[in-house]
Amino acid sequence: MISVSGLFVYPVKSCGGVEVDEAVVGATGFELDRRWMVVGEDGVFLSQRGHPRLALVRVRIAGDRLRLEAPDLPALEVPLEREPGPTVRVTVWRDDCAALDEGRDAAAWFSDHLGSSARLVGLADDDARPLSSSSAQPGDKVSFADGFPFLLLSEASLEGLNKRLPLPVPMDRFRPNIVITGCPAHAEDSWQQVRIGDVGFRVAKPCARCVITTTNQETGDRSPEPLRTLATYRVGDGQVLFGQNLIHRGRGTVRVGEAVVALSNKTQQ
């Protein structure tokens, strides 16, 4: 049986993840996933691509607050829920959307950590960012994730990669939301629609991988792997592909241990 072996949310884009036993699927993906992000003075998002030190920010949920920790800094806490207020415009790739600024203390904290001017912003509301993709359907929404609400990757796919590497890499290099077990390597590539528990998903597209996969999530250090090895056998349309982006078809709760059922395959007509 194919089943869920791990679930992860990343409350602050490009910062540390939180492993959970179950996660609620809301309008934009898992609740709290990429609800916050760090932006520069121009309002454009910052990520590990240009700021690998974001990997060192540890995140956890502490009651009704988001608690952030980083080396040589006091912990920063921000409320999970805020009263509606004035919004600022921020940019995620080609999308311009509304956000709530988390204030001077959060800005100073991230600026100190990154060594450059930065601010922390939160998604203004679930309608702030419609999903802009050829795979999207009317009403599809996304948080501050790169492009899609979910990333799914199988343990077997990672095992296949690690057999090719001089040193194995952990799953956190790929920052998945849903990790599955019980299927062959890259079985997820052939799926078109899947159901996990009582929630349906459309498989939108393979995930194009970037330099973040070469960033050690514990230290922030970089090396050529695993991107160099992936480029020898996982290339399509000039991009390195690993894992699948999903779009949910409803709401519900996904739990570790639940069955993953492929409802249709891309080869089927």
C-alpha atoms as a PDB file:
ATOM      1  CA  MET A   1       0.000   0.000   0.000  1.00  0.00           C
ATOM      2  CA  ILE A   2       1.201   3.493  -0.827  1.00  0.00           C
ATOM      3  CA  SER A   3       0.862   5.726   2.215  1.00  0.00           C
ATOM      4  CA  VAL A   4       1.891   9.064   3.707  1.00  0.00           C
ATOM      5  CA  SER A   5       5.114   8.791   5.705  1.00  0.00           C
ATOM      6  CA  GLY A   6       5.731  12.481   6.426  1.00  0.00           C
ATOM      7  CA  LEU A   7       3.942  15.829   6.442  1.00  0.00           C
ATOM      8  CA  PHE A   8       5.619  19.225   6.582  1.00  0.00           C
ATOM      9  CA  VAL A   9       4.525  22.844   6.716  1.00  0.00           C
ATOM     10  CA  TYR A  10       6.817  25.815   6.165  1.00  0.00           C
ATOM     11  CA  PRO A  11       5.136  28.780   7.848  1.00  0.00           C
ATOM     12  CA  VAL A  12       7.763  31.296   6.658  1.00  0.00           C
ATOM     13  CA  LYS A  13       8.813  30.908   3.035  1.00  0.00           C
ATOM     14  CA  SER A  14      12.412  29.601   2.743  1.00  0.00           C
ATOM     15  CA  CYS A  15      12.785  29.155   6.524  1.00  0.00           C
ATOM     16  CA  GLY A  16      12.730  25.937   8.518  1.00  0.00           C
ATOM     17  CA  GLY A  17       9.877  23.464   8.285  1.00  0.00           C
ATOM     18  CA  VAL A  18       7.637  21.929  10.921  1.00  0.00           C
ATOM     19  CA  GLU A  19       6.915  18.196  10.795  1.00  0.00           C
ATOM     20  CA  VAL A  20       3.345  17.311  11.774  1.00  0.00           C
ATOM     21  CA  ASP A  21       1.273  14.166  12.155  1.00  0.00           C
ATOM     22  CA  GLU A  22      -1.732  15.704  10.421  1.00  0.00           C
ATOM     23  CA  ALA A  23      -2.412  18.868   8.462  1.00  0.00           C
ATOM     24  CA  VAL A  24      -5.608  20.643   7.508  1.00  0.00           C
ATOM     25  CA  VAL A  25      -6.040  21.496   3.828  1.00  0.00           C
ATOM     26  CA  GLY A  26      -7.450  25.003   3.533  1.00  0.00           C
ATOM     27  CA  ALA A  27      -8.025  27.432   0.689  1.00  0.00           C
ATOM     28  CA  THR A  28      -4.346  27.913  -0.194  1.00  0.00           C
ATOM     29  CA  GLY A  29      -2.853  24.559   0.865  1.00  0.00           C
ATOM     30  CA  PHE A  30      -1.934  23.273   4.298  1.00  0.00           C
ATOM     31  CA  GLU A  31      -2.953  25.758   6.985  1.00  0.00           C
ATOM     32  CA  LEU A  32       0.000  27.984   7.966  1.00  0.00           C
ATOM     33  CA  ASP A  33       2.126  26.815   5.030  1.00  0.00           C
ATOM     34  CA  ARG A  34       3.992  29.800   3.506  1.00  0.00           C
ATOM     35  CA  ARG A  35       1.660  32.266   5.215  1.00  0.00           C
ATOM     36  CA  TRP A  36       4.634  34.554   5.864  1.00  0.00           C
ATOM     37  CA  MET A  37       7.651  35.548   3.827  1.00  0.00           C
ATOM     38  CA  VAL A  38      10.641  37.836   4.010  1.00  0.00           C
ATOM     39  CA  VAL A  39      10.879  40.737   1.540  1.00  0.00           C
ATOM     40  CA  GLY A  40      13.483  43.351   0.694  1.00  0.00           C
ATOM     41  CA  GLU A  41      13.006  47.105   0.649  1.00  0.00           C
ATOM     42  CA  ASP A  42      11.371  46.836  -2.767  1.00  0.00           C
ATOM     43  CA  GLY A  43       8.769  44.345  -1.536  1.00  0.00           C
ATOM     44  CA  VAL A  44      10.180  41.494  -3.615  1.00  0.00           C
ATOM     45  CA  PHE A  45      10.409  38.156  -1.828  1.00  0.00           C
ATOM     46  CA  LEU A  46      13.710  36.865  -0.499  1.00  0.00           C
ATOM     47  CA  SER A  47      14.547  33.168  -0.524  1.00  0.00           C
ATOM     48  CA  GLN A  48      17.371  30.742   0.105  1.00  0.00           C
ATOM     49  CA  ARG A  49      18.379  31.153  -3.527  1.00  0.00           C
ATOM     50  CA  GLY A  50      20.030  34.453  -2.676  1.00  0.00           C
ATOM     51  CA  HIS A  51      20.002  34.220   1.124  1.00  0.00           C
ATOM     52  CA  PRO A  52      20.984  30.715   2.275  1.00  0.00           C
ATOM     53  CA  ARG A  53      21.024  31.931   5.913  1.00  0.00           C
ATOM     54  CA  LEU A  54      17.227  31.740   5.827  1.00  0.00           C
ATOM     55  CA  ALA A  55      17.711  27.985   6.211  1.00  0.00           C
ATOM     56  CA  LEU A  56      19.040  28.627   9.731  1.00  0.00           C
ATOM     57  CA  VAL A  57      15.741  30.132  10.920  1.00  0.00           C
ATOM     58  CA  ARG A  58      13.982  27.500  13.020  1.00  0.00           C
ATOM     59  CA  VAL A  59      10.218  27.735  13.196  1.00  0.00           C
ATOM     60  CA  ARG A  60       7.695  26.308  15.601  1.00  0.00           C
ATOM     61  CA  ILE A  61       4.133  26.921  16.651  1.00  0.00           C
ATOM     62  CA  ALA A  62       3.893  28.063  20.273  1.00  0.00           C
ATOM     63  CA  GLY A  63       0.232  28.306  21.225  1.00  0.00           C
ATOM     64  CA  ASP A  64      -1.255  31.198  19.286  1.00  0.00           C
ATOM     65  CA  ARG A  65       2.121  32.520  18.171  1.00  0.00           C
ATOM     66  CA  LEU A  66       4.762  31.729  15.595  1.00  0.00           C
ATOM     67  CA  ARG A  67       8.186  31.432  17.269  1.00  0.00           C
ATOM     68  CA  LEU A  68      11.321  31.996  15.189  1.00  0.00           C
ATOM     69  CA  GLU A  69      14.856  31.247  16.354  1.00  0.00           C
ATOM     70  CA  ALA A  70      18.218  31.937  14.693  1.00  0.00           C
ATOM     71  CA  PRO A  71      21.869  31.847  15.794  1.00  0.00           C
ATOM     72  CA  ASP A  72      22.975  34.724  18.050  1.00  0.00           C
ATOM     73  CA  LEU A  73      19.546  36.353  18.147  1.00  0.00           C
ATOM     74  CA  PRO A  74      16.757  36.346  20.739  1.00  0.00           C
ATOM     75  CA  ALA A  75      13.641  34.460  19.692  1.00  0.00           C
ATOM     76  CA  LEU A  76      11.064  36.389  17.682  1.00  0.00           C
ATOM     77  CA  GLU A  77       7.354  35.748  18.145  1.00  0.00           C
ATOM     78  CA  VAL A  78       4.525  36.952  15.925  1.00  0.00           C
ATOM     79  CA  PRO A  79       0.804  36.229  16.338  1.00  0.00           C
ATOM     80  CA  LEU A  80      -0.714  33.546  14.161  1.00  0.00           C
ATOM     81  CA  GLU A  81      -3.815  35.688  13.657  1.00  0.00           C
ATOM     82  CA  ARG A  82      -3.911  39.441  13.183  1.00  0.00           C
ATOM     83  CA  GLU A  83      -6.715  41.923  12.925  1.00  0.00           C
ATOM     84  CA  PRO A  84      -7.225  43.170   9.351  1.00  0.00           C
ATOM     85  CA  GLY A  85      -5.371  46.397   8.687  1.00  0.00           C
ATOM     86  CA  PRO A  86      -3.586  48.385   6.014  1.00  0.00           C
ATOM     87  CA  THR A  87      -1.812  46.219   3.474  1.00  0.00           C
ATOM     88  CA  VAL A  88       1.404  46.556   1.512  1.00  0.00           C
ATOM     89  CA  ARG A  89       2.072  45.274  -1.982  1.00  0.00           C
ATOM     90  CA  VAL A  90       4.615  42.485  -2.319  1.00  0.00           C
ATOM     91  CA  THR A  91       5.902  40.432  -5.236  1.00  0.00           C
ATOM     92  CA  VAL A  92       6.314  36.662  -5.501  1.00  0.00           C
ATOM     93  CA  TRP A  93       7.827  35.870  -8.875  1.00  0.00           C
ATOM     94  CA  ARG A  94       5.367  37.459 -11.338  1.00  0.00           C
ATOM     95  CA  ASP A  95       2.541  37.837  -8.823  1.00  0.00           C
ATOM     96  CA  ASP A  96       1.768  41.110  -7.093  1.00  0.00           C
ATOM     97  CA  CYS A  97      -0.336  40.579  -3.978  1.00  0.00           C
ATOM     98  CA  ALA A  98      -1.456  42.109  -0.695  1.00  0.00           C
ATOM     99  CA  ALA A  99       0.322  41.433   2.597  1.00  0.00           C
ATOM    100  CA  LEU A 100       0.359  42.622   6.202  1.00  0.00           C
ATOM    101  CA  ASP A 101       3.649  43.999   7.502  1.00  0.00           C
ATOM    102  CA  GLU A 102       4.677  42.322  10.780  1.00  0.00           C
ATOM    103  CA  GLY A 103       6.309  45.472  12.120  1.00  0.00           C
ATOM    104  CA  ARG A 104       9.646  47.002  13.078  1.00  0.00           C
ATOM    105  CA  ASP A 105      10.792  44.345  15.539  1.00  0.00           C
ATOM    106  CA  ALA A 106      10.380  41.577  12.971  1.00  0.00           C
ATOM    107  CA  ALA A 107      12.071  43.724  10.317  1.00  0.00           C
ATOM    108  CA  ALA A 108      15.047  44.420  12.595  1.00  0.00           C
ATOM    109  CA  TRP A 109      15.337  40.730  13.499  1.00  0.00           C
ATOM    110  CA  PHE A 110      15.487  39.518   9.901  1.00  0.00           C
ATOM    111  CA  SER A 111      17.736  42.411   8.850  1.00  0.00           C
ATOM    112  CA  ASP A 112      20.202  41.465  11.588  1.00  0.00           C
ATOM    113  CA  HIS A 113      20.110  37.814  10.615  1.00  0.00           C
ATOM    114  CA  LEU A 114      20.567  38.400   6.880  1.00  0.00           C
ATOM    115  CA  GLY A 115      22.881  41.391   7.118  1.00  0.00           C
ATOM    116  CA  SER A 116      20.682  43.428   4.785  1.00  0.00           C
ATOM    117  CA  SER A 117      17.403  45.292   4.953  1.00  0.00           C
ATOM    118  CA  ALA A 118      14.442  42.926   5.214  1.00  0.00           C
ATOM    119  CA  ARG A 119      10.881  42.803   6.493  1.00  0.00           C
ATOM    120  CA  LEU A 120       8.507  40.005   7.478  1.00  0.00           C
ATOM    121  CA  VAL A 121       5.044  40.067   5.910  1.00  0.00           C
ATOM    122  CA  GLY A 122       1.998  37.843   6.242  1.00  0.00           C
ATOM    123  CA  LEU A 123      -0.588  36.882   3.645  1.00  0.00           C
ATOM    124  CA  ALA A 124      -3.437  39.363   3.910  1.00  0.00           C
ATOM    125  CA  ASP A 125      -6.225  36.852   3.217  1.00  0.00           C
ATOM    126  CA  ASP A 126      -6.916  33.625   1.371  1.00  0.00           C
ATOM    127  CA  ASP A 127      -7.997  35.519  -1.756  1.00  0.00           C
ATOM    128  CA  ALA A 128      -4.809  37.588  -1.939  1.00  0.00           C
ATOM    129  CA  ARG A 129      -3.060  35.375  -4.479  1.00  0.00           C
ATOM    130  CA  PRO A 130      -4.951  33.438  -7.162  1.00  0.00           C
ATOM    131  CA  LEU A 131      -2.995  30.525  -8.593  1.00  0.00           C
ATOM    132  CA  SER A 132      -1.438  31.676 -11.876  1.00  0.00           C
ATOM    133  CA  SER A 133      -0.644  28.561 -13.885  1.00  0.00           C
ATOM    134  CA  SER A 134      -1.911  26.794 -16.970  1.00  0.00           C
ATOM    135  CA  SER A 135      -2.829  23.974 -14.571  1.00  0.00           C
ATOM    136  CA  ALA A 136      -5.055  26.243 -12.462  1.00  0.00           C
ATOM    137  CA  GLN A 137      -8.830  26.203 -12.445  1.00  0.00           C
ATOM    138  CA  PRO A 138     -11.108  29.085 -11.446  1.00  0.00           C
ATOM    139  CA  GLY A 139     -10.998  29.572  -7.684  1.00  0.00           C
ATOM    140  CA  ASP A 140      -7.587  27.964  -7.143  1.00  0.00           C
ATOM    141  CA  LYS A 141      -5.543  29.902  -4.579  1.00  0.00           C
ATOM    142  CA  VAL A 142      -1.982  29.680  -3.323  1.00  0.00           C
ATOM    143  CA  SER A 143      -0.097  31.204  -0.401  1.00  0.00           C
ATOM    144  CA  PHE A 144       3.450  32.581  -0.744  1.00  0.00           C
ATOM    145  CA  ALA A 145       4.665  29.222  -2.123  1.00  0.00           C
ATOM    146  CA  ASP A 146       6.685  29.453  -5.327  1.00  0.00           C
ATOM    147  CA  GLY A 147       3.843  28.376  -7.551  1.00  0.00           C
ATOM    148  CA  PHE A 148       1.683  25.548  -6.202  1.00  0.00           C
ATOM    149  CA  PRO A 149       0.010  24.633  -2.909  1.00  0.00           C
ATOM    150  CA  PHE A 150       1.771  21.264  -2.458  1.00  0.00           C
ATOM    151  CA  LEU A 151       4.943  19.379  -3.274  1.00  0.00           C
ATOM    152  CA  LEU A 152       4.873  15.584  -3.081  1.00  0.00           C
ATOM    153  CA  LEU A 153       7.955  13.344  -3.141  1.00  0.00           C
ATOM    154  CA  SER A 154       8.401   9.637  -2.524  1.00  0.00           C
ATOM    155  CA  GLU A 155      10.981   8.077  -0.236  1.00  0.00           C
ATOM    156  CA  ALA A 156      11.904   5.724  -3.082  1.00  0.00           C
ATOM    157  CA  SER A 157      12.766   8.639  -5.370  1.00  0.00           C
ATOM    158  CA  LEU A 158      15.136  10.029  -2.744  1.00  0.00           C
ATOM    159  CA  GLU A 159      16.632   6.581  -2.144  1.00  0.00           C
ATOM    160  CA  GLY A 160      17.289   6.257  -5.881  1.00  0.00           C
ATOM    161  CA  LEU A 161      19.072   9.588  -5.893  1.00  0.00           C
ATOM    162  CA  ASN A 162      21.121   8.799  -2.800  1.00  0.00           C
ATOM    163  CA  LYS A 163      22.420   5.599  -4.399  1.00  0.00           C
ATOM    164  CA  ARG A 164      23.991   7.802  -7.074  1.00  0.00           C
ATOM    165  CA  LEU A 165      25.494  10.385  -4.712  1.00  0.00           C
ATOM    166  CA  PRO A 166      28.920  10.228  -3.043  1.00  0.00           C
ATOM    167  CA  LEU A 167      27.184  11.297   0.195  1.00  0.00           C
ATOM    168  CA  PRO A 168      23.423  10.912   0.783  1.00  0.00           C
ATOM    169  CA  VAL A 169      21.231  13.949   1.350  1.00  0.00           C
ATOM    170  CA  PRO A 170      18.171  14.131   3.629  1.00  0.00           C
ATOM    171  CA  MET A 171      14.624  14.768   2.503  1.00  0.00           C
ATOM    172  CA  ASP A 172      14.698  18.330   3.841  1.00  0.00           C
ATOM    173  CA  ARG A 173      16.870  19.421   0.890  1.00  0.00           C
ATOM    174  CA  PHE A 174      13.715  19.219  -1.239  1.00  0.00           C
ATOM    175  CA  ARG A 175      11.267  20.812   1.201  1.00  0.00           C
ATOM    176  CA  PRO A 176       8.243  18.608   0.400  1.00  0.00           C
ATOM    177  CA  ASN A 177       4.841  18.983   2.009  1.00  0.00           C
ATOM    178  CA  ILE A 178       3.857  15.345   1.534  1.00  0.00           C
ATOM    179  CA  VAL A 179       6.279  12.403   1.646  1.00  0.00           C
ATOM    180  CA  ILE A 180       5.015   8.984   0.595  1.00  0.00           C
ATOM    181  CA  THR A 181       6.258   5.416   0.866  1.00  0.00           C
ATOM    182  CA  GLY A 182       5.311   2.048  -0.629  1.00  0.00           C
ATOM    183  CA  CYS A 183       5.780   2.886  -4.311  1.00  0.00           C
ATOM    184  CA  PRO A 184       8.665   2.558  -6.788  1.00  0.00           C
ATOM    185  CA  ALA A 185      10.975   5.494  -7.409  1.00  0.00           C
ATOM    186  CA  HIS A 186       9.303   8.262  -9.441  1.00  0.00           C
ATOM    187  CA  ALA A 187       5.941   6.499  -9.520  1.00  0.00           C
ATOM    188  CA  GLU A 188       4.520   9.953  -8.732  1.00  0.00           C
ATOM    189  CA  ASP A 189       5.627  11.137 -12.181  1.00  0.00           C
ATOM    190  CA  SER A 190       2.874   9.137 -13.866  1.00  0.00           C
ATOM    191  CA  TRP A 191      -0.033  10.235 -11.694  1.00  0.00           C
ATOM    192  CA  GLN A 192      -2.689  12.653 -12.875  1.00  0.00           C
ATOM    193  CA  GLN A 193      -5.121  12.596  -9.939  1.00  0.00           C
ATOM    194  CA  VAL A 194      -4.644  11.176  -6.446  1.00  0.00           C
ATOM    195  CA  ARG A 195      -6.620  10.901  -3.237  1.00  0.00           C
ATOM    196  CA  ILE A 196      -5.064  11.058   0.201  1.00  0.00           C
ATOM    197  CA  GLY A 197      -7.562  10.220   2.916  1.00  0.00           C
ATOM    198  CA  ASP A 198     -10.670  12.173   1.974  1.00  0.00           C
ATOM    199  CA  VAL A 199      -8.878  14.901   0.001  1.00  0.00           C
ATOM    200  CA  GLY A 200      -8.425  14.834  -3.769  1.00  0.00           C
ATOM    201  CA  PHE A 201      -5.482  16.370  -5.616  1.00  0.00           C
ATOM    202  CA  ARG A 202      -4.613  17.162  -9.217  1.00  0.00           C
ATOM    203  CA  VAL A 203      -0.999  16.504 -10.164  1.00  0.00           C
ATOM    204  CA  ALA A 204      -0.105  19.791 -11.841  1.00  0.00           C
ATOM    205  CA  LYS A 205       3.488  19.424 -13.029  1.00  0.00           C
ATOM    206  CA  PRO A 206       6.933  18.123 -12.119  1.00  0.00           C
ATOM    207  CA  CYS A 207       8.830  20.361  -9.719  1.00  0.00           C
ATOM    208  CA  ALA A 208      11.776  22.164 -11.310  1.00  0.00           C
ATOM    209  CA  ARG A 209      14.633  22.150  -8.812  1.00  0.00           C
ATOM    210  CA  CYS A 210      16.994  25.014  -8.050  1.00  0.00           C
ATOM    211  CA  VAL A 211      20.070  25.881  -5.983  1.00  0.00           C
ATOM    212  CA  ILE A 212      18.094  25.515  -2.734  1.00  0.00           C
ATOM    213  CA  THR A 213      18.554  21.745  -3.039  1.00  0.00           C
ATOM    214  CA  THR A 214      22.314  22.295  -2.672  1.00  0.00           C
ATOM    215  CA  THR A 215      21.866  24.181   0.617  1.00  0.00           C
ATOM    216  CA  ASN A 216      22.473  22.228   3.808  1.00  0.00           C
ATOM    217  CA  GLN A 217      19.359  23.031   5.848  1.00  0.00           C
ATOM    218  CA  GLU A 218      21.253  22.658   9.127  1.00  0.00           C
ATOM    219  CA  THR A 219      24.259  24.856   8.337  1.00  0.00           C
ATOM    220  CA  GLY A 220      23.364  26.998   5.319  1.00  0.00           C
ATOM    221  CA  ASP A 221      26.483  25.734   3.500  1.00  0.00           C
ATOM    222  CA  ARG A 222      26.322  24.870  -0.183  1.00  0.00           C
ATOM    223  CA  SER A 223      27.899  22.254  -2.427  1.00  0.00           C
ATOM    224  CA  PRO A 224      27.295  21.136  -6.040  1.00  0.00           C
ATOM    225  CA  GLU A 225      25.180  18.162  -4.960  1.00  0.00           C
ATOM    226  CA  PRO A 226      22.557  16.886  -5.353  1.00  0.00           C
ATOM    227  CA  LEU A 227      21.712  19.185  -8.276  1.00  0.00           C
ATOM    228  CA  ARG A 228      24.757  18.075 -10.275  1.00  0.00           C
ATOM    229  CA  THR A 229      23.803  14.394 -10.067  1.00  0.00           C
ATOM    230  CA  LEU A 230      20.102  15.039 -10.678  1.00  0.00           C
ATOM    231  CA  ALA A 231      21.080  16.837 -13.877  1.00  0.00           C
ATOM    232  CA  THR A 232      22.523  13.571 -15.209  1.00  0.00           C
ATOM    233  CA  TYR A 233      19.204  11.697 -15.191  1.00  0.00           C
ATOM    234  CA  ARG A 234      16.276  13.933 -14.206  1.00  0.00           C
ATOM    235  CA  VAL A 235      16.127  16.619 -16.912  1.00  0.00           C
ATOM    236  CA  GLY A 236      13.086  17.697 -18.905  1.00  0.00           C
ATOM    237  CA  ASP A 237      12.565  20.836 -20.980  1.00  0.00           C
ATOM    238  CA  GLY A 238      15.981  22.033 -19.878  1.00  0.00           C
ATOM    239  CA  GLN A 239      15.119  21.829 -16.168  1.00  0.00           C
ATOM    240  CA  VAL A 240      16.069  19.449 -13.369  1.00  0.00           C
ATOM    241  CA  LEU A 241      12.840  17.763 -12.218  1.00  0.00           C
ATOM    242  CA  PHE A 242      12.277  15.990  -8.905  1.00  0.00           C
ATOM    243  CA  GLY A 243       8.908  15.545  -7.166  1.00  0.00           C
ATOM    244  CA  GLN A 244       5.451  16.652  -8.228  1.00  0.00           C
ATOM    245  CA  ASN A 245       3.445  19.822  -7.599  1.00  0.00           C
ATOM    246  CA  LEU A 246      -0.160  19.236  -6.537  1.00  0.00           C
ATOM    247  CA  ILE A 247      -3.340  21.321  -6.444  1.00  0.00           C
ATOM    248  CA  HIS A 248      -6.039  20.296  -3.968  1.00  0.00           C
ATOM    249  CA  ARG A 249      -9.603  19.664  -5.121  1.00  0.00           C
ATOM    250  CA  GLY A 250     -11.315  20.280  -1.807  1.00  0.00           C
ATOM    251  CA  ARG A 251     -10.682  20.660   1.884  1.00  0.00           C
ATOM    252  CA  GLY A 252     -10.096  18.182   4.654  1.00  0.00           C
ATOM    253  CA  THR A 253      -7.331  16.711   6.789  1.00  0.00           C
ATOM    254  CA  VAL A 254      -4.338  14.666   5.646  1.00  0.00           C
ATOM    255  CA  ARG A 255      -2.679  12.334   8.161  1.00  0.00           C
ATOM    256  CA  VAL A 256       0.526  10.328   8.353  1.00  0.00           C
ATOM    257  CA  GLY A 257      -0.234   6.689   7.598  1.00  0.00           C
ATOM    258  CA  GLU A 258      -3.183   7.377   5.319  1.00  0.00           C
ATOM    259  CA  ALA A 259      -3.424   5.607   1.982  1.00  0.00           C
ATOM    260  CA  VAL A 260      -2.428   7.401  -1.204  1.00  0.00           C
ATOM    261  CA  VAL A 261      -4.584   6.259  -4.123  1.00  0.00           C
ATOM    262  CA  ALA A 262      -3.732   7.081  -7.746  1.00  0.00           C
ATOM    263  CA  LEU A 263      -7.116   7.757  -9.346  1.00  0.00           C
ATOM    264  CA  SER A 264      -5.777   8.272 -12.856  1.00  0.00           C
ATOM    265  CA  ASN A 265      -2.471   8.275 -14.687  1.00  0.00           C
ATOM    266  CA  LYS A 266      -1.104  10.692 -17.264  1.00  0.00           C
ATOM    267  CA  THR A 267      -0.834   7.889 -19.810  1.00  0.00           C
ATOM    268  CA  GLN A 268      -4.555   7.169 -19.533  1.00  0.00           C
ATOM    269  CA  GLN A 269      -6.970   8.835 -21.933  1.00  0.00           C
END
